[in-house]
Amino acid sequence: MPGATFGGLLDLRPQPGPPVGPQAAGPGPGLPAAPAAGQLLCHQLVILLETEEVISPAHRTRSRGTTGGVIRKLHGEHQEMTTGLSMTHFLFSVPLLATPSFRTPMVSLR
């Protein structure tokens, strides 16, 4: 909904879990390893608020250098480098002129 506020809390703490498969020696994909004594974890976060317009294959024009019928529009961006944090957050305001999601036979916006 245009004008609304959207946010989230990111938990960066190592997640406990049983060792599984070839990653048994490590934390697994996407999970931070527990730092050794005296070490700090560092994370780079990039969070984007964007819309994606998808044109149906039947209505796409054929030209070189196209994006495959997908047009993205960036409405907001949050970048952060964290060191030693266990949690952080982000907050976006949805632009007042942002188009709500819709779908037609020719195009869909999500």
PDB file of N, CA and C in Angstrom:
ATOM      1  N   MET A   1       0.845  -1.163   0.000  1.00  0.00           N
ATOM      2  CA  MET A   1       0.000   0.000   0.000  1.00  0.00           C
ATOM      3  C   MET A   1       0.900   1.239   0.000  1.00  0.00           C
ATOM      4  N   PRO A   2       0.739   2.133  -0.967  1.00  0.00           N
ATOM      5  CA  PRO A   2       1.548   3.345  -1.012  1.00  0.00           C
ATOM      6  C   PRO A   2       1.428   4.160   0.272  1.00  0.00           C
ATOM      7  N   GLY A   3       2.567   4.689   0.728  1.00  0.00           N
ATOM      8  CA  GLY A   3       2.607   5.476   1.948  1.00  0.00           C
ATOM      9  C   GLY A   3       2.805   4.658   3.204  1.00  0.00           C
ATOM     10  N   ALA A   4       2.716   3.344   3.098  1.00  0.00           N
ATOM     11  CA  ALA A   4       2.883   2.474   4.264  1.00  0.00           C
ATOM     12  C   ALA A   4       4.364   2.356   4.621  1.00  0.00           C
ATOM     13  N   THR A   5       4.624   1.860   5.810  1.00  0.00           N
ATOM     14  CA  THR A   5       5.981   1.628   6.270  1.00  0.00           C
ATOM     15  C   THR A   5       6.229   0.130   6.325  1.00  0.00           C
ATOM     16  N   PHE A   6       7.394  -0.283   5.856  1.00  0.00           N
ATOM     17  CA  PHE A   6       7.773  -1.689   5.803  1.00  0.00           C
ATOM     18  C   PHE A   6       9.142  -1.825   6.443  1.00  0.00           C
ATOM     19  N   GLY A   7       9.305  -2.774   7.321  1.00  0.00           N
ATOM     20  CA  GLY A   7      10.587  -2.957   7.974  1.00  0.00           C
ATOM     21  C   GLY A   7      10.800  -4.383   8.406  1.00  0.00           C
ATOM     22  N   GLY A   8      11.979  -4.629   8.929  1.00  0.00           N
ATOM     23  CA  GLY A   8      12.295  -5.968   9.391  1.00  0.00           C
ATOM     24  C   GLY A   8      13.444  -5.947  10.374  1.00  0.00           C
ATOM     25  N   LEU A   9      13.525  -7.003  11.147  1.00  0.00           N
ATOM     26  CA  LEU A   9      14.598  -7.203  12.114  1.00  0.00           C
ATOM     27  C   LEU A   9      15.432  -8.370  11.633  1.00  0.00           C
ATOM     28  N   LEU A  10      16.725  -8.186  11.531  1.00  0.00           N
ATOM     29  CA  LEU A  10      17.623  -9.233  11.074  1.00  0.00           C
ATOM     30  C   LEU A  10      18.409  -9.771  12.258  1.00  0.00           C
ATOM     31  N   ASP A  11      18.288 -11.061  12.493  1.00  0.00           N
ATOM     32  CA  ASP A  11      18.993 -11.739  13.578  1.00  0.00           C
ATOM     33  C   ASP A  11      20.274 -12.329  13.001  1.00  0.00           C
ATOM     34  N   LEU A  12      21.421 -11.805  13.397  1.00  0.00           N
ATOM     35  CA  LEU A  12      22.712 -12.227  12.861  1.00  0.00           C
ATOM     36  C   LEU A  12      23.433 -13.216  13.768  1.00  0.00           C
ATOM     37  N   ARG A  13      22.769 -13.635  14.830  1.00  0.00           N
ATOM     38  CA  ARG A  13      23.416 -14.572  15.751  1.00  0.00           C
ATOM     39  C   ARG A  13      23.576 -15.937  15.089  1.00  0.00           C
ATOM     40  N   PRO A  14      24.671 -16.639  15.387  1.00  0.00           N
ATOM     41  CA  PRO A  14      24.835 -17.995  14.849  1.00  0.00           C
ATOM     42  C   PRO A  14      23.666 -18.873  15.281  1.00  0.00           C
ATOM     43  N   GLN A  15      23.146 -19.649  14.339  1.00  0.00           N
ATOM     44  CA  GLN A  15      22.005 -20.509  14.619  1.00  0.00           C
ATOM     45  C   GLN A  15      22.490 -21.919  14.929  1.00  0.00           C
ATOM     46  N   PRO A  16      22.059 -22.475  16.058  1.00  0.00           N
ATOM     47  CA  PRO A  16      22.469 -23.844  16.369  1.00  0.00           C
ATOM     48  C   PRO A  16      21.759 -24.822  15.447  1.00  0.00           C
ATOM     49  N   GLY A  17      22.408 -25.877  15.155  1.00  0.00           N
ATOM     50  CA  GLY A  17      21.803 -26.903  14.315  1.00  0.00           C
ATOM     51  C   GLY A  17      22.710 -28.108  14.235  1.00  0.00           C
ATOM     52  N   PRO A  18      22.139 -29.267  13.960  1.00  0.00           N
ATOM     53  CA  PRO A  18      22.963 -30.470  13.862  1.00  0.00           C
ATOM     54  C   PRO A  18      23.787 -30.454  12.580  1.00  0.00           C
ATOM     55  N   PRO A  19      25.014 -30.976  12.625  1.00  0.00           N
ATOM     56  CA  PRO A  19      25.820 -31.070  11.409  1.00  0.00           C
ATOM     57  C   PRO A  19      25.140 -31.995  10.401  1.00  0.00           C
ATOM     58  N   VAL A  20      25.122 -31.581   9.132  1.00  0.00           N
ATOM     59  CA  VAL A  20      24.468 -32.371   8.094  1.00  0.00           C
ATOM     60  C   VAL A  20      25.362 -32.420   6.867  1.00  0.00           C
ATOM     61  N   GLY A  21      25.528 -33.585   6.299  1.00  0.00           N
ATOM     62  CA  GLY A  21      26.208 -33.768   5.023  1.00  0.00           C
ATOM     63  C   GLY A  21      27.607 -33.205   4.975  1.00  0.00           C
ATOM     64  N   PRO A  22      28.032 -32.770   3.759  1.00  0.00           N
ATOM     65  CA  PRO A  22      29.404 -32.296   3.589  1.00  0.00           C
ATOM     66  C   PRO A  22      29.714 -31.028   4.367  1.00  0.00           C
ATOM     67  N   GLN A  23      28.697 -30.276   4.782  1.00  0.00           N
ATOM     68  CA  GLN A  23      28.939 -29.059   5.550  1.00  0.00           C
ATOM     69  C   GLN A  23      29.061 -29.348   7.044  1.00  0.00           C
ATOM     70  N   ALA A  24      29.206 -30.593   7.427  1.00  0.00           N
ATOM     71  CA  ALA A  24      29.239 -30.941   8.846  1.00  0.00           C
ATOM     72  C   ALA A  24      30.341 -30.198   9.590  1.00  0.00           C
ATOM     73  N   ALA A  25      31.419 -29.842   8.894  1.00  0.00           N
ATOM     74  CA  ALA A  25      32.511 -29.137   9.558  1.00  0.00           C
ATOM     75  C   ALA A  25      32.243 -27.645   9.680  1.00  0.00           C
ATOM     76  N   GLY A  26      31.283 -27.120   8.924  1.00  0.00           N
ATOM     77  CA  GLY A  26      30.996 -25.685   8.936  1.00  0.00           C
ATOM     78  C   GLY A  26      29.559 -25.421   9.310  1.00  0.00           C
ATOM     79  N   PRO A  27      29.155 -24.157   9.329  1.00  0.00           N
ATOM     80  CA  PRO A  27      27.806 -23.804   9.754  1.00  0.00           C
ATOM     81  C   PRO A  27      26.735 -24.079   8.707  1.00  0.00           C
ATOM     82  N   GLY A  28      27.109 -24.274   7.447  1.00  0.00           N
ATOM     83  CA  GLY A  28      26.115 -24.501   6.397  1.00  0.00           C
ATOM     84  C   GLY A  28      25.863 -23.223   5.631  1.00  0.00           C
ATOM     85  N   PRO A  29      25.216 -23.341   4.484  1.00  0.00           N
ATOM     86  CA  PRO A  29      25.001 -22.165   3.648  1.00  0.00           C
ATOM     87  C   PRO A  29      24.129 -21.123   4.330  1.00  0.00           C
ATOM     88  N   GLY A  30      24.595 -19.874   4.325  1.00  0.00           N
ATOM     89  CA  GLY A  30      23.796 -18.779   4.860  1.00  0.00           C
ATOM     90  C   GLY A  30      23.833 -18.620   6.362  1.00  0.00           C
ATOM     91  N   LEU A  31      24.500 -19.525   7.063  1.00  0.00           N
ATOM     92  CA  LEU A  31      24.542 -19.429   8.525  1.00  0.00           C
ATOM     93  C   LEU A  31      25.931 -18.999   8.968  1.00  0.00           C
ATOM     94  N   PRO A  32      26.029 -17.958   9.776  1.00  0.00           N
ATOM     95  CA  PRO A  32      27.345 -17.515  10.231  1.00  0.00           C
ATOM     96  C   PRO A  32      27.932 -18.484  11.244  1.00  0.00           C
ATOM     97  N   ALA A  33      29.223 -18.665  11.164  1.00  0.00           N
ATOM     98  CA  ALA A  33      29.910 -19.509  12.137  1.00  0.00           C
ATOM     99  C   ALA A  33      30.054 -18.746  13.446  1.00  0.00           C
ATOM    100  N   ALA A  34      30.069 -19.468  14.537  1.00  0.00           N
ATOM    101  CA  ALA A  34      30.292 -18.831  15.837  1.00  0.00           C
ATOM    102  C   ALA A  34      31.724 -18.316  15.871  1.00  0.00           C
ATOM    103  N   PRO A  35      31.925 -17.072  16.276  1.00  0.00           N
ATOM    104  CA  PRO A  35      33.286 -16.535  16.286  1.00  0.00           C
ATOM    105  C   PRO A  35      34.124 -17.176  17.384  1.00  0.00           C
ATOM    106  N   ALA A  36      35.404 -17.305  17.102  1.00  0.00           N
ATOM    107  CA  ALA A  36      36.328 -17.792  18.121  1.00  0.00           C
ATOM    108  C   ALA A  36      36.511 -16.691  19.159  1.00  0.00           C
ATOM    109  N   ALA A  37      37.035 -17.060  20.304  1.00  0.00           N
ATOM    110  CA  ALA A  37      37.242 -16.089  21.385  1.00  0.00           C
ATOM    111  C   ALA A  37      38.081 -14.917  20.875  1.00  0.00           C
ATOM    112  N   GLY A  38      37.620 -13.704  21.127  1.00  0.00           N
ATOM    113  CA  GLY A  38      38.339 -12.505  20.732  1.00  0.00           C
ATOM    114  C   GLY A  38      38.097 -12.068  19.294  1.00  0.00           C
ATOM    115  N   GLN A  39      37.288 -12.810  18.539  1.00  0.00           N
ATOM    116  CA  GLN A  39      36.996 -12.435  17.159  1.00  0.00           C
ATOM    117  C   GLN A  39      35.598 -11.840  17.057  1.00  0.00           C
ATOM    118  N   LEU A  40      35.415 -10.942  16.095  1.00  0.00           N
ATOM    119  CA  LEU A  40      34.111 -10.342  15.837  1.00  0.00           C
ATOM    120  C   LEU A  40      33.623 -10.763  14.459  1.00  0.00           C
ATOM    121  N   LEU A  41      32.320 -10.968  14.343  1.00  0.00           N
ATOM    122  CA  LEU A  41      31.731 -11.248  13.039  1.00  0.00           C
ATOM    123  C   LEU A  41      31.477  -9.937  12.308  1.00  0.00           C
ATOM    124  N   CYS A  42      31.696  -9.936  11.011  1.00  0.00           N
ATOM    125  CA  CYS A  42      31.443  -8.763  10.186  1.00  0.00           C
ATOM    126  C   CYS A  42      30.513  -9.182   9.056  1.00  0.00           C
ATOM    127  N   HIS A  43      29.427  -8.441   8.856  1.00  0.00           N
ATOM    128  CA  HIS A  43      28.462  -8.738   7.803  1.00  0.00           C
ATOM    129  C   HIS A  43      28.256  -7.501   6.946  1.00  0.00           C
ATOM    130  N   GLN A  44      28.108  -7.709   5.642  1.00  0.00           N
ATOM    131  CA  GLN A  44      27.712  -6.633   4.744  1.00  0.00           C
ATOM    132  C   GLN A  44      26.275  -6.910   4.337  1.00  0.00           C
ATOM    133  N   LEU A  45      25.390  -5.953   4.586  1.00  0.00           N
ATOM    134  CA  LEU A  45      23.972  -6.098   4.279  1.00  0.00           C
ATOM    135  C   LEU A  45      23.587  -5.124   3.175  1.00  0.00           C
ATOM    136  N   VAL A  46      22.840  -5.610   2.211  1.00  0.00           N
ATOM    137  CA  VAL A  46      22.260  -4.766   1.171  1.00  0.00           C
ATOM    138  C   VAL A  46      20.810  -5.202   1.033  1.00  0.00           C
ATOM    139  N   ILE A  47      19.888  -4.286   1.309  1.00  0.00           N
ATOM    140  CA  ILE A  47      18.457  -4.575   1.252  1.00  0.00           C
ATOM    141  C   ILE A  47      17.841  -3.592   0.263  1.00  0.00           C
ATOM    142  N   LEU A  48      17.086  -4.130  -0.698  1.00  0.00           N
ATOM    143  CA  LEU A  48      16.494  -3.305  -1.744  1.00  0.00           C
ATOM    144  C   LEU A  48      14.979  -3.379  -1.676  1.00  0.00           C
ATOM    145  N   LEU A  49      14.331  -2.249  -1.882  1.00  0.00           N
ATOM    146  CA  LEU A  49      12.881  -2.189  -2.049  1.00  0.00           C
ATOM    147  C   LEU A  49      12.653  -1.856  -3.517  1.00  0.00           C
ATOM    148  N   GLU A  50      12.153  -2.834  -4.271  1.00  0.00           N
ATOM    149  CA  GLU A  50      11.993  -2.622  -5.700  1.00  0.00           C
ATOM    150  C   GLU A  50      10.720  -3.275  -6.208  1.00  0.00           C
ATOM    151  N   THR A  51      10.257  -2.769  -7.348  1.00  0.00           N
ATOM    152  CA  THR A  51       9.148  -3.416  -8.046  1.00  0.00           C
ATOM    153  C   THR A  51       9.719  -4.083  -9.283  1.00  0.00           C
ATOM    154  N   GLU A  52       9.004  -5.094  -9.738  1.00  0.00           N
ATOM    155  CA  GLU A  52       9.442  -5.848 -10.900  1.00  0.00           C
ATOM    156  C   GLU A  52       8.263  -5.990 -11.848  1.00  0.00           C
ATOM    157  N   GLU A  53       8.407  -5.443 -13.043  1.00  0.00           N
ATOM    158  CA  GLU A  53       7.364  -5.529 -14.065  1.00  0.00           C
ATOM    159  C   GLU A  53       7.771  -6.621 -15.049  1.00  0.00           C
ATOM    160  N   VAL A  54       6.904  -7.611 -15.221  1.00  0.00           N
ATOM    161  CA  VAL A  54       7.206  -8.745 -16.095  1.00  0.00           C
ATOM    162  C   VAL A  54       6.257  -8.705 -17.289  1.00  0.00           C
ATOM    163  N   ILE A  55       6.826  -8.613 -18.479  1.00  0.00           N
ATOM    164  CA  ILE A  55       6.034  -8.587 -19.708  1.00  0.00           C
ATOM    165  C   ILE A  55       5.896 -10.019 -20.209  1.00  0.00           C
ATOM    166  N   SER A  56       4.682 -10.415 -20.554  1.00  0.00           N
ATOM    167  CA  SER A  56       4.453 -11.793 -21.001  1.00  0.00           C
ATOM    168  C   SER A  56       5.251 -12.063 -22.278  1.00  0.00           C
ATOM    169  N   PRO A  57       5.737 -13.298 -22.448  1.00  0.00           N
ATOM    170  CA  PRO A  57       6.566 -13.619 -23.616  1.00  0.00           C
ATOM    171  C   PRO A  57       5.885 -13.300 -24.948  1.00  0.00           C
ATOM    172  N   ALA A  58       4.574 -13.433 -25.032  1.00  0.00           N
ATOM    173  CA  ALA A  58       3.869 -13.166 -26.292  1.00  0.00           C
ATOM    174  C   ALA A  58       3.904 -11.692 -26.684  1.00  0.00           C
ATOM    175  N   HIS A  59       4.144 -10.794 -25.733  1.00  0.00           N
ATOM    176  CA  HIS A  59       4.113  -9.354 -26.019  1.00  0.00           C
ATOM    177  C   HIS A  59       5.488  -8.692 -25.967  1.00  0.00           C
ATOM    178  N   ARG A  60       6.534  -9.464 -25.833  1.00  0.00           N
ATOM    179  CA  ARG A  60       7.888  -8.900 -25.798  1.00  0.00           C
ATOM    180  C   ARG A  60       8.371  -8.597 -27.207  1.00  0.00           C
ATOM    181  N   THR A  61       9.146  -7.517 -27.337  1.00  0.00           N
ATOM    182  CA  THR A  61       9.773  -7.208 -28.622  1.00  0.00           C
ATOM    183  C   THR A  61      11.117  -7.909 -28.677  1.00  0.00           C
ATOM    184  N   ARG A  62      11.526  -8.235 -29.851  1.00  0.00           N
ATOM    185  CA  ARG A  62      12.803  -8.929 -30.034  1.00  0.00           C
ATOM    186  C   ARG A  62      13.883  -7.893 -30.335  1.00  0.00           C
ATOM    187  N   SER A  63      14.768  -7.661 -29.378  1.00  0.00           N
ATOM    188  CA  SER A  63      15.910  -6.783 -29.633  1.00  0.00           C
ATOM    189  C   SER A  63      17.065  -7.230 -28.759  1.00  0.00           C
ATOM    190  N   ARG A  64      18.257  -6.932 -29.231  1.00  0.00           N
ATOM    191  CA  ARG A  64      19.447  -7.325 -28.477  1.00  0.00           C
ATOM    192  C   ARG A  64      19.588  -6.443 -27.246  1.00  0.00           C
ATOM    193  N   GLY A  65      20.172  -7.022 -26.201  1.00  0.00           N
ATOM    194  CA  GLY A  65      20.425  -6.255 -24.985  1.00  0.00           C
ATOM    195  C   GLY A  65      19.207  -6.059 -24.110  1.00  0.00           C
ATOM    196  N   THR A  66      18.151  -6.833 -24.335  1.00  0.00           N
ATOM    197  CA  THR A  66      16.962  -6.681 -23.497  1.00  0.00           C
ATOM    198  C   THR A  66      17.153  -7.420 -22.185  1.00  0.00           C
ATOM    199  N   THR A  67      16.284  -7.142 -21.244  1.00  0.00           N
ATOM    200  CA  THR A  67      16.369  -7.746 -19.914  1.00  0.00           C
ATOM    201  C   THR A  67      15.477  -8.966 -19.784  1.00  0.00           C
ATOM    202  N   GLY A  68      15.064  -9.556 -20.904  1.00  0.00           N
ATOM    203  CA  GLY A  68      14.231 -10.747 -20.831  1.00  0.00           C
ATOM    204  C   GLY A  68      12.804 -10.462 -20.414  1.00  0.00           C
ATOM    205  N   GLY A  69      12.312  -9.280 -20.700  1.00  0.00           N
ATOM    206  CA  GLY A  69      10.932  -8.954 -20.368  1.00  0.00           C
ATOM    207  C   GLY A  69      10.707  -8.554 -18.928  1.00  0.00           C
ATOM    208  N   VAL A  70      11.770  -8.276 -18.184  1.00  0.00           N
ATOM    209  CA  VAL A  70      11.651  -7.871 -16.779  1.00  0.00           C
ATOM    210  C   VAL A  70      12.217  -6.463 -16.625  1.00  0.00           C
ATOM    211  N   ILE A  71      11.416  -5.577 -16.036  1.00  0.00           N
ATOM    212  CA  ILE A  71      11.846  -4.202 -15.780  1.00  0.00           C
ATOM    213  C   ILE A  71      11.769  -3.972 -14.278  1.00  0.00           C
ATOM    214  N   ARG A  72      12.900  -3.619 -13.676  1.00  0.00           N
ATOM    215  CA  ARG A  72      12.942  -3.385 -12.229  1.00  0.00           C
ATOM    216  C   ARG A  72      13.061  -1.888 -11.951  1.00  0.00           C
ATOM    217  N   LYS A  73      12.381  -1.449 -10.889  1.00  0.00           N
ATOM    218  CA  LYS A  73      12.470  -0.052 -10.462  1.00  0.00           C
ATOM    219  C   LYS A  73      12.833  -0.042  -8.987  1.00  0.00           C
ATOM    220  N   LEU A  74      13.927   0.623  -8.662  1.00  0.00           N
ATOM    221  CA  LEU A  74      14.408   0.700  -7.288  1.00  0.00           C
ATOM    222  C   LEU A  74      13.723   1.858  -6.572  1.00  0.00           C
ATOM    223  N   HIS A  75      13.089   1.565  -5.435  1.00  0.00           N
ATOM    224  CA  HIS A  75      12.401   2.592  -4.644  1.00  0.00           C
ATOM    225  C   HIS A  75      13.183   2.962  -3.388  1.00  0.00           C
ATOM    226  N   GLY A  76      14.028   2.058  -2.915  1.00  0.00           N
ATOM    227  CA  GLY A  76      14.797   2.335  -1.707  1.00  0.00           C
ATOM    228  C   GLY A  76      15.922   1.333  -1.556  1.00  0.00           C
ATOM    229  N   GLU A  77      16.987   1.753  -0.875  1.00  0.00           N
ATOM    230  CA  GLU A  77      18.146   0.885  -0.679  1.00  0.00           C
ATOM    231  C   GLU A  77      18.732   1.149   0.703  1.00  0.00           C
ATOM    232  N   HIS A  78      19.111   0.079   1.379  1.00  0.00           N
ATOM    233  CA  HIS A  78      19.748   0.184   2.690  1.00  0.00           C
ATOM    234  C   HIS A  78      21.025  -0.638   2.633  1.00  0.00           C
ATOM    235  N   GLN A  79      22.160  -0.008   2.927  1.00  0.00           N
ATOM    236  CA  GLN A  79      23.439  -0.709   2.981  1.00  0.00           C
ATOM    237  C   GLN A  79      24.029  -0.505   4.355  1.00  0.00           C
ATOM    238  N   GLU A  80      24.629  -1.559   4.862  1.00  0.00           N
ATOM    239  CA  GLU A  80      25.173  -1.485   6.220  1.00  0.00           C
ATOM    240  C   GLU A  80      26.306  -2.492   6.367  1.00  0.00           C
ATOM    241  N   MET A  81      27.354  -2.080   7.037  1.00  0.00           N
ATOM    242  CA  MET A  81      28.421  -2.990   7.447  1.00  0.00           C
ATOM    243  C   MET A  81      28.299  -3.144   8.952  1.00  0.00           C
ATOM    244  N   THR A  82      28.191  -4.368   9.415  1.00  0.00           N
ATOM    245  CA  THR A  82      28.049  -4.595  10.850  1.00  0.00           C
ATOM    246  C   THR A  82      29.269  -5.337  11.365  1.00  0.00           C
ATOM    247  N   THR A  83      29.709  -4.970  12.534  1.00  0.00           N
ATOM    248  CA  THR A  83      30.810  -5.658  13.201  1.00  0.00           C
ATOM    249  C   THR A  83      30.404  -5.910  14.634  1.00  0.00           C
ATOM    250  N   GLY A  84      30.333  -7.165  15.000  1.00  0.00           N
ATOM    251  CA  GLY A  84      30.031  -7.527  16.379  1.00  0.00           C
ATOM    252  C   GLY A  84      28.582  -7.336  16.776  1.00  0.00           C
ATOM    253  N   LEU A  85      27.677  -7.103  15.826  1.00  0.00           N
ATOM    254  CA  LEU A  85      26.260  -6.947  16.155  1.00  0.00           C
ATOM    255  C   LEU A  85      25.557  -8.293  16.105  1.00  0.00           C
ATOM    256  N   SER A  86      24.601  -8.484  16.994  1.00  0.00           N
ATOM    257  CA  SER A  86      23.805  -9.705  16.935  1.00  0.00           C
ATOM    258  C   SER A  86      22.485  -9.462  16.213  1.00  0.00           C
ATOM    259  N   MET A  87      22.032  -8.211  16.156  1.00  0.00           N
ATOM    260  CA  MET A  87      20.787  -7.879  15.459  1.00  0.00           C
ATOM    261  C   MET A  87      20.894  -6.483  14.859  1.00  0.00           C
ATOM    262  N   THR A  88      20.152  -6.277  13.782  1.00  0.00           N
ATOM    263  CA  THR A  88      20.025  -4.959  13.182  1.00  0.00           C
ATOM    264  C   THR A  88      18.645  -4.885  12.534  1.00  0.00           C
ATOM    265  N   HIS A  89      18.296  -3.728  12.023  1.00  0.00           N
ATOM    266  CA  HIS A  89      16.967  -3.578  11.427  1.00  0.00           C
ATOM    267  C   HIS A  89      17.036  -2.671  10.202  1.00  0.00           C
ATOM    268  N   PHE A  90      15.956  -2.693   9.440  1.00  0.00           N
ATOM    269  CA  PHE A  90      15.806  -1.786   8.310  1.00  0.00           C
ATOM    270  C   PHE A  90      14.368  -1.303   8.279  1.00  0.00           C
ATOM    271  N   LEU A  91      14.157  -0.153   7.646  1.00  0.00           N
ATOM    272  CA  LEU A  91      12.828   0.449   7.580  1.00  0.00           C
ATOM    273  C   LEU A  91      12.714   1.220   6.267  1.00  0.00           C
ATOM    274  N   PHE A  92      11.658   0.937   5.505  1.00  0.00           N
ATOM    275  CA  PHE A  92      11.388   1.638   4.257  1.00  0.00           C
ATOM    276  C   PHE A  92       9.997   2.238   4.316  1.00  0.00           C
ATOM    277  N   SER A  93       9.819   3.364   3.658  1.00  0.00           N
ATOM    278  CA  SER A  93       8.489   3.919   3.415  1.00  0.00           C
ATOM    279  C   SER A  93       8.164   3.655   1.955  1.00  0.00           C
ATOM    280  N   VAL A  94       7.028   3.020   1.714  1.00  0.00           N
ATOM    281  CA  VAL A  94       6.617   2.750   0.340  1.00  0.00           C
ATOM    282  C   VAL A  94       6.215   4.089  -0.279  1.00  0.00           C
ATOM    283  N   PRO A  95       6.791   4.452  -1.428  1.00  0.00           N
ATOM    284  CA  PRO A  95       6.491   5.755  -2.031  1.00  0.00           C
ATOM    285  C   PRO A  95       4.996   5.940  -2.288  1.00  0.00           C
ATOM    286  N   LEU A  96       4.522   7.162  -2.084  1.00  0.00           N
ATOM    287  CA  LEU A  96       3.103   7.460  -2.296  1.00  0.00           C
ATOM    288  C   LEU A  96       2.667   7.214  -3.734  1.00  0.00           C
ATOM    289  N   LEU A  97       3.576   7.378  -4.676  1.00  0.00           N
ATOM    290  CA  LEU A  97       3.228   7.193  -6.082  1.00  0.00           C
ATOM    291  C   LEU A  97       3.525   5.781  -6.592  1.00  0.00           C
ATOM    292  N   ALA A  98       3.876   4.861  -5.702  1.00  0.00           N
ATOM    293  CA  ALA A  98       4.162   3.485  -6.120  1.00  0.00           C
ATOM    294  C   ALA A  98       2.879   2.799  -6.577  1.00  0.00           C
ATOM    295  N   THR A  99       2.980   2.076  -7.669  1.00  0.00           N
ATOM    296  CA  THR A  99       1.828   1.359  -8.211  1.00  0.00           C
ATOM    297  C   THR A  99       1.638   0.051  -7.452  1.00  0.00           C
ATOM    298  N   PRO A 100       0.419  -0.236  -6.993  1.00  0.00           N
ATOM    299  CA  PRO A 100       0.171  -1.521  -6.333  1.00  0.00           C
ATOM    300  C   PRO A 100       0.341  -2.678  -7.327  1.00  0.00           C
ATOM    301  N   SER A 101       0.496  -3.882  -6.807  1.00  0.00           N
ATOM    302  CA  SER A 101       0.626  -5.062  -7.666  1.00  0.00           C
ATOM    303  C   SER A 101      -0.615  -5.240  -8.522  1.00  0.00           C
ATOM    304  N   PHE A 102      -0.403  -5.696  -9.747  1.00  0.00           N
ATOM    305  CA  PHE A 102      -1.528  -6.006 -10.627  1.00  0.00           C
ATOM    306  C   PHE A 102      -1.080  -7.031 -11.658  1.00  0.00           C
ATOM    307  N   ARG A 103      -2.043  -7.619 -12.349  1.00  0.00           N
ATOM    308  CA  ARG A 103      -1.751  -8.604 -13.392  1.00  0.00           C
ATOM    309  C   ARG A 103      -2.760  -8.450 -14.522  1.00  0.00           C
ATOM    310  N   THR A 104      -2.247  -8.406 -15.753  1.00  0.00           N
ATOM    311  CA  THR A 104      -3.085  -8.417 -16.950  1.00  0.00           C
ATOM    312  C   THR A 104      -2.521  -9.503 -17.868  1.00  0.00           C
ATOM    313  N   PRO A 105      -3.210  -9.822 -18.956  1.00  0.00           N
ATOM    314  CA  PRO A 105      -2.649 -10.813 -19.879  1.00  0.00           C
ATOM    315  C   PRO A 105      -1.305 -10.381 -20.479  1.00  0.00           C
ATOM    316  N   MET A 106      -1.057  -9.060 -20.546  1.00  0.00           N
ATOM    317  CA  MET A 106       0.166  -8.571 -21.160  1.00  0.00           C
ATOM    318  C   MET A 106       1.306  -8.376 -20.163  1.00  0.00           C
ATOM    319  N   VAL A 107       1.015  -7.935 -18.946  1.00  0.00           N
ATOM    320  CA  VAL A 107       2.069  -7.568 -18.003  1.00  0.00           C
ATOM    321  C   VAL A 107       1.611  -7.821 -16.573  1.00  0.00           C
ATOM    322  N   SER A 108       2.582  -8.057 -15.692  1.00  0.00           N
ATOM    323  CA  SER A 108       2.275  -8.154 -14.259  1.00  0.00           C
ATOM    324  C   SER A 108       3.299  -7.335 -13.496  1.00  0.00           C
ATOM    325  N   LEU A 109       2.858  -6.715 -12.425  1.00  0.00           N
ATOM    326  CA  LEU A 109       3.730  -5.910 -11.575  1.00  0.00           C
ATOM    327  C   LEU A 109       3.708  -6.519 -10.194  1.00  0.00           C
ATOM    328  N   ARG A 110       4.891  -6.805  -9.678  1.00  0.00           N
ATOM    329  CA  ARG A 110       4.972  -7.382  -8.331  1.00  0.00           C
ATOM    330  C   ARG A 110       6.003  -6.657  -7.519  1.00  0.00           C
TER     331      ARG A 110
END
